[in-house]
């Protein structure tokens, strides 16, 4: 069984059961990046800071 990224860092019993956690489907593995890849900017992370940075760069 692979790593469940949805609950990998959870402490048992810390959070109440949620509908999302009970119904979320596991992600299929992403293919490994191959070859030469280049970009002007790479936003790492999807939190508020990463989303804000990506939005401002896109505008």
PDB file of N, CA and C in Angstrom:
ATOM      1  N   UNK A   1       0.845  -1.179   0.000  1.00  0.00           N
ATOM      2  CA  UNK A   1       0.000   0.000   0.000  1.00  0.00           C
ATOM      3  C   UNK A   1       0.887   1.238   0.000  1.00  0.00           C
ATOM      4  N   UNK A   2       0.557   2.208  -0.819  1.00  0.00           N
ATOM      5  CA  UNK A   2       1.335   3.437  -0.916  1.00  0.00           C
ATOM      6  C   UNK A   2       1.012   4.415   0.201  1.00  0.00           C
ATOM      7  N   UNK A   3       1.708   5.502   0.198  1.00  0.00           N
ATOM      8  CA  UNK A   3       1.521   6.556   1.183  1.00  0.00           C
ATOM      9  C   UNK A   3       0.200   7.273   0.934  1.00  0.00           C
ATOM     10  N   UNK A   4      -0.603   7.418   1.972  1.00  0.00           N
ATOM     11  CA  UNK A   4      -1.860   8.157   1.874  1.00  0.00           C
ATOM     12  C   UNK A   4      -1.562   9.610   2.226  1.00  0.00           C
ATOM     13  N   UNK A   5      -1.366  10.458   1.213  1.00  0.00           N
ATOM     14  CA  UNK A   5      -0.946  11.835   1.473  1.00  0.00           C
ATOM     15  C   UNK A   5      -2.025  12.655   2.162  1.00  0.00           C
ATOM     16  N   UNK A   6      -3.273  12.203   2.117  1.00  0.00           N
ATOM     17  CA  UNK A   6      -4.344  12.943   2.769  1.00  0.00           C
ATOM     18  C   UNK A   6      -4.229  12.882   4.283  1.00  0.00           C
ATOM     19  N   UNK A   7      -3.776  11.753   4.816  1.00  0.00           N
ATOM     20  CA  UNK A   7      -3.740  11.579   6.274  1.00  0.00           C
ATOM     21  C   UNK A   7      -2.357  11.221   6.801  1.00  0.00           C
ATOM     22  N   UNK A   8      -1.325  11.346   5.996  1.00  0.00           N
ATOM     23  CA  UNK A   8       0.011  10.901   6.395  1.00  0.00           C
ATOM     24  C   UNK A   8       0.519  11.598   7.648  1.00  0.00           C
ATOM     25  N   UNK A   9       0.200  12.861   7.841  1.00  0.00           N
ATOM     26  CA  UNK A   9       0.715  13.606   8.983  1.00  0.00           C
ATOM     27  C   UNK A   9      -0.290  13.763  10.120  1.00  0.00           C
ATOM     28  N   UNK A  10      -1.460  13.161   9.994  1.00  0.00           N
ATOM     29  CA  UNK A  10      -2.481  13.277  11.038  1.00  0.00           C
ATOM     30  C   UNK A  10      -2.129  12.445  12.256  1.00  0.00           C
ATOM     31  N   UNK A  11      -2.493  12.955  13.419  1.00  0.00           N
ATOM     32  CA  UNK A  11      -2.395  12.168  14.647  1.00  0.00           C
ATOM     33  C   UNK A  11      -3.750  11.516  14.865  1.00  0.00           C
ATOM     34  N   UNK A  12      -3.761  10.230  15.141  1.00  0.00           N
ATOM     35  CA  UNK A  12      -5.018   9.502  15.297  1.00  0.00           C
ATOM     36  C   UNK A  12      -5.866  10.125  16.397  1.00  0.00           C
ATOM     37  N   UNK A  13      -7.147  10.311  16.125  1.00  0.00           N
ATOM     38  CA  UNK A  13      -8.073  10.844  17.102  1.00  0.00           C
ATOM     39  C   UNK A  13      -8.020  12.346  17.283  1.00  0.00           C
ATOM     40  N   UNK A  14      -7.150  13.035  16.561  1.00  0.00           N
ATOM     41  CA  UNK A  14      -7.006  14.487  16.728  1.00  0.00           C
ATOM     42  C   UNK A  14      -8.132  15.254  16.048  1.00  0.00           C
ATOM     43  N   UNK A  15      -8.591  14.775  14.911  1.00  0.00           N
ATOM     44  CA  UNK A  15      -9.612  15.483  14.155  1.00  0.00           C
ATOM     45  C   UNK A  15     -10.871  14.635  14.068  1.00  0.00           C
ATOM     46  N   UNK A  16     -12.042  15.280  14.052  1.00  0.00           N
ATOM     47  CA  UNK A  16     -13.282  14.510  13.888  1.00  0.00           C
ATOM     48  C   UNK A  16     -13.357  13.947  12.474  1.00  0.00           C
ATOM     49  N   UNK A  17     -14.104  12.873  12.274  1.00  0.00           N
ATOM     50  CA  UNK A  17     -14.232  12.316  10.928  1.00  0.00           C
ATOM     51  C   UNK A  17     -14.864  13.349   9.986  1.00  0.00           C
ATOM     52  N   UNK A  18     -14.394  13.379   8.757  1.00  0.00           N
ATOM     53  CA  UNK A  18     -14.955  14.323   7.789  1.00  0.00           C
ATOM     54  C   UNK A  18     -15.458  13.575   6.557  1.00  0.00           C
ATOM     55  N   UNK A  19     -16.463  14.152   5.913  1.00  0.00           N
ATOM     56  CA  UNK A  19     -17.006  13.556   4.700  1.00  0.00           C
ATOM     57  C   UNK A  19     -15.941  13.553   3.614  1.00  0.00           C
ATOM     58  N   UNK A  20     -15.173  14.637   3.518  1.00  0.00           N
ATOM     59  CA  UNK A  20     -14.143  14.719   2.481  1.00  0.00           C
ATOM     60  C   UNK A  20     -13.113  13.605   2.645  1.00  0.00           C
ATOM     61  N   UNK A  21     -12.614  13.429   3.863  1.00  0.00           N
ATOM     62  CA  UNK A  21     -11.594  12.403   4.089  1.00  0.00           C
ATOM     63  C   UNK A  21     -12.147  11.010   3.816  1.00  0.00           C
ATOM     64  N   UNK A  22     -13.419  10.805   4.093  1.00  0.00           N
ATOM     65  CA  UNK A  22     -14.022   9.486   3.888  1.00  0.00           C
ATOM     66  C   UNK A  22     -14.303   9.197   2.419  1.00  0.00           C
ATOM     67  N   UNK A  23     -14.462  10.233   1.590  1.00  0.00           N
ATOM     68  CA  UNK A  23     -14.854  10.005   0.198  1.00  0.00           C
ATOM     69  C   UNK A  23     -13.792  10.396  -0.827  1.00  0.00           C
ATOM     70  N   UNK A  24     -12.700  11.025  -0.398  1.00  0.00           N
ATOM     71  CA  UNK A  24     -11.663  11.450  -1.347  1.00  0.00           C
ATOM     72  C   UNK A  24     -10.970  10.230  -1.952  1.00  0.00           C
ATOM     73  N   UNK A  25     -10.820  10.257  -3.247  1.00  0.00           N
ATOM     74  CA  UNK A  25     -10.146   9.162  -3.944  1.00  0.00           C
ATOM     75  C   UNK A  25      -8.640   9.408  -3.921  1.00  0.00           C
ATOM     76  N   UNK A  26      -7.834   8.351  -3.764  1.00  0.00           N
ATOM     77  CA  UNK A  26      -6.378   8.537  -3.785  1.00  0.00           C
ATOM     78  C   UNK A  26      -5.918   9.026  -5.159  1.00  0.00           C
ATOM     79  N   UNK A  27      -4.890   9.842  -5.157  1.00  0.00           N
ATOM     80  CA  UNK A  27      -4.335  10.344  -6.415  1.00  0.00           C
ATOM     81  C   UNK A  27      -3.499   9.269  -7.095  1.00  0.00           C
ATOM     82  N   UNK A  28      -3.595   9.228  -8.404  1.00  0.00           N
ATOM     83  CA  UNK A  28      -2.725   8.336  -9.165  1.00  0.00           C
ATOM     84  C   UNK A  28      -1.316   8.922  -9.140  1.00  0.00           C
ATOM     85  N   UNK A  29      -0.298   8.081  -9.159  1.00  0.00           N
ATOM     86  CA  UNK A  29       1.071   8.613  -9.156  1.00  0.00           C
ATOM     87  C   UNK A  29       1.328   9.456 -10.408  1.00  0.00           C
ATOM     88  N   UNK A  30       2.029  10.553 -10.225  1.00  0.00           N
ATOM     89  CA  UNK A  30       2.388  11.406 -11.352  1.00  0.00           C
ATOM     90  C   UNK A  30       3.643  10.850 -12.013  1.00  0.00           C
ATOM     91  N   UNK A  31       3.748  10.971 -13.341  1.00  0.00           N
ATOM     92  CA  UNK A  31       4.962  10.489 -14.001  1.00  0.00           C
ATOM     93  C   UNK A  31       6.160  11.356 -13.610  1.00  0.00           C
ATOM     94  N   UNK A  32       7.305  10.750 -13.614  1.00  0.00           N
ATOM     95  CA  UNK A  32       8.535  11.461 -13.281  1.00  0.00           C
ATOM     96  C   UNK A  32       8.887  12.425 -14.407  1.00  0.00           C
ATOM     97  N   UNK A  33       9.329  13.615 -14.042  1.00  0.00           N
ATOM     98  CA  UNK A  33       9.744  14.596 -15.050  1.00  0.00           C
ATOM     99  C   UNK A  33      10.992  14.077 -15.761  1.00  0.00           C
ATOM    100  N   UNK A  34      10.978  14.155 -17.077  1.00  0.00           N
ATOM    101  CA  UNK A  34      12.113  13.661 -17.854  1.00  0.00           C
ATOM    102  C   UNK A  34      12.546  14.728 -18.849  1.00  0.00           C
ATOM    103  N   UNK A  35      13.786  14.697 -19.201  1.00  0.00           N
ATOM    104  CA  UNK A  35      14.303  15.646 -20.169  1.00  0.00           C
ATOM    105  C   UNK A  35      14.603  16.989 -19.532  1.00  0.00           C
ATOM    106  N   UNK A  36      14.905  17.945 -20.373  1.00  0.00           N
ATOM    107  CA  UNK A  36      15.242  19.285 -19.889  1.00  0.00           C
ATOM    108  C   UNK A  36      13.971  20.110 -19.761  1.00  0.00           C
ATOM    109  N   UNK A  37      13.773  20.686 -18.595  1.00  0.00           N
ATOM    110  CA  UNK A  37      12.596  21.512 -18.335  1.00  0.00           C
ATOM    111  C   UNK A  37      13.079  22.893 -17.912  1.00  0.00           C
ATOM    112  N   UNK A  38      12.494  23.920 -18.500  1.00  0.00           N
ATOM    113  CA  UNK A  38      12.872  25.280 -18.106  1.00  0.00           C
ATOM    114  C   UNK A  38      11.613  26.116 -17.919  1.00  0.00           C
ATOM    115  N   UNK A  39      11.730  27.129 -17.077  1.00  0.00           N
ATOM    116  CA  UNK A  39      10.625  28.052 -16.852  1.00  0.00           C
ATOM    117  C   UNK A  39      11.189  29.357 -16.314  1.00  0.00           C
ATOM    118  N   UNK A  40      10.402  30.407 -16.401  1.00  0.00           N
ATOM    119  CA  UNK A  40      10.817  31.697 -15.850  1.00  0.00           C
ATOM    120  C   UNK A  40      10.609  31.723 -14.340  1.00  0.00           C
ATOM    121  N   UNK A  41       9.488  31.179 -13.886  1.00  0.00           N
ATOM    122  CA  UNK A  41       9.145  31.171 -12.461  1.00  0.00           C
ATOM    123  C   UNK A  41       8.485  29.845 -12.133  1.00  0.00           C
ATOM    124  N   UNK A  42       8.835  29.275 -11.003  1.00  0.00           N
ATOM    125  CA  UNK A  42       8.174  28.064 -10.512  1.00  0.00           C
ATOM    126  C   UNK A  42       7.597  28.370  -9.139  1.00  0.00           C
ATOM    127  N   UNK A  43       6.287  28.252  -9.001  1.00  0.00           N
ATOM    128  CA  UNK A  43       5.632  28.474  -7.713  1.00  0.00           C
ATOM    129  C   UNK A  43       5.529  27.123  -7.025  1.00  0.00           C
ATOM    130  N   UNK A  44       6.153  27.019  -5.870  1.00  0.00           N
ATOM    131  CA  UNK A  44       6.128  25.782  -5.103  1.00  0.00           C
ATOM    132  C   UNK A  44       5.160  25.980  -3.950  1.00  0.00           C
ATOM    133  N   UNK A  45       4.124  25.189  -3.910  1.00  0.00           N
ATOM    134  CA  UNK A  45       3.160  25.277  -2.817  1.00  0.00           C
ATOM    135  C   UNK A  45       1.844  25.867  -3.289  1.00  0.00           C
ATOM    136  N   UNK A  46       0.781  25.408  -2.674  1.00  0.00           N
ATOM    137  CA  UNK A  46      -0.558  25.859  -3.040  1.00  0.00           C
ATOM    138  C   UNK A  46      -1.286  26.510  -1.891  1.00  0.00           C
ATOM    139  N   UNK A  47      -0.545  27.003  -0.905  1.00  0.00           N
ATOM    140  CA  UNK A  47      -1.181  27.733   0.190  1.00  0.00           C
ATOM    141  C   UNK A  47      -1.525  29.143  -0.266  1.00  0.00           C
ATOM    142  N   UNK A  48      -1.912  29.983   0.672  1.00  0.00           N
ATOM    143  CA  UNK A  48      -2.291  31.355   0.322  1.00  0.00           C
ATOM    144  C   UNK A  48      -1.157  32.099  -0.376  1.00  0.00           C
ATOM    145  N   UNK A  49       0.058  31.933   0.100  1.00  0.00           N
ATOM    146  CA  UNK A  49       1.184  32.646  -0.501  1.00  0.00           C
ATOM    147  C   UNK A  49       1.453  32.160  -1.919  1.00  0.00           C
ATOM    148  N   UNK A  50       1.458  30.835  -2.123  1.00  0.00           N
ATOM    149  CA  UNK A  50       1.693  30.290  -3.451  1.00  0.00           C
ATOM    150  C   UNK A  50       0.595  30.652  -4.431  1.00  0.00           C
ATOM    151  N   UNK A  51      -0.662  30.578  -3.985  1.00  0.00           N
ATOM    152  CA  UNK A  51      -1.776  30.939  -4.862  1.00  0.00           C
ATOM    153  C   UNK A  51      -1.748  32.423  -5.209  1.00  0.00           C
ATOM    154  N   UNK A  52      -1.439  33.266  -4.231  1.00  0.00           N
ATOM    155  CA  UNK A  52      -1.356  34.702  -4.485  1.00  0.00           C
ATOM    156  C   UNK A  52      -0.221  35.010  -5.457  1.00  0.00           C
ATOM    157  N   UNK A  53       0.922  34.370  -5.270  1.00  0.00           N
ATOM    158  CA  UNK A  53       2.054  34.591  -6.170  1.00  0.00           C
ATOM    159  C   UNK A  53       1.699  34.162  -7.589  1.00  0.00           C
ATOM    160  N   UNK A  54       1.082  32.997  -7.741  1.00  0.00           N
ATOM    161  CA  UNK A  54       0.714  32.508  -9.073  1.00  0.00           C
ATOM    162  C   UNK A  54      -0.310  33.427  -9.728  1.00  0.00           C
ATOM    163  N   UNK A  55      -1.280  33.903  -8.953  1.00  0.00           N
ATOM    164  CA  UNK A  55      -2.297  34.805  -9.497  1.00  0.00           C
ATOM    165  C   UNK A  55      -1.668  36.110  -9.976  1.00  0.00           C
ATOM    166  N   UNK A  56      -0.811  36.696  -9.156  1.00  0.00           N
ATOM    167  CA  UNK A  56      -0.173  37.955  -9.540  1.00  0.00           C
ATOM    168  C   UNK A  56       0.750  37.772 -10.749  1.00  0.00           C
ATOM    169  N   UNK A  57       1.451  36.665 -10.818  1.00  0.00           N
ATOM    170  CA  UNK A  57       2.319  36.415 -11.971  1.00  0.00           C
ATOM    171  C   UNK A  57       1.499  36.200 -13.244  1.00  0.00           C
ATOM    172  N   UNK A  58       0.350  35.555 -13.125  1.00  0.00           N
ATOM    173  CA  UNK A  58      -0.494  35.302 -14.289  1.00  0.00           C
ATOM    174  C   UNK A  58      -1.113  36.590 -14.829  1.00  0.00           C
ATOM    175  N   UNK A  59      -1.328  37.557 -13.948  1.00  0.00           N
ATOM    176  CA  UNK A  59      -1.940  38.824 -14.377  1.00  0.00           C
ATOM    177  C   UNK A  59      -0.884  39.697 -15.002  1.00  0.00           C
TER     178      UNK A  59
END
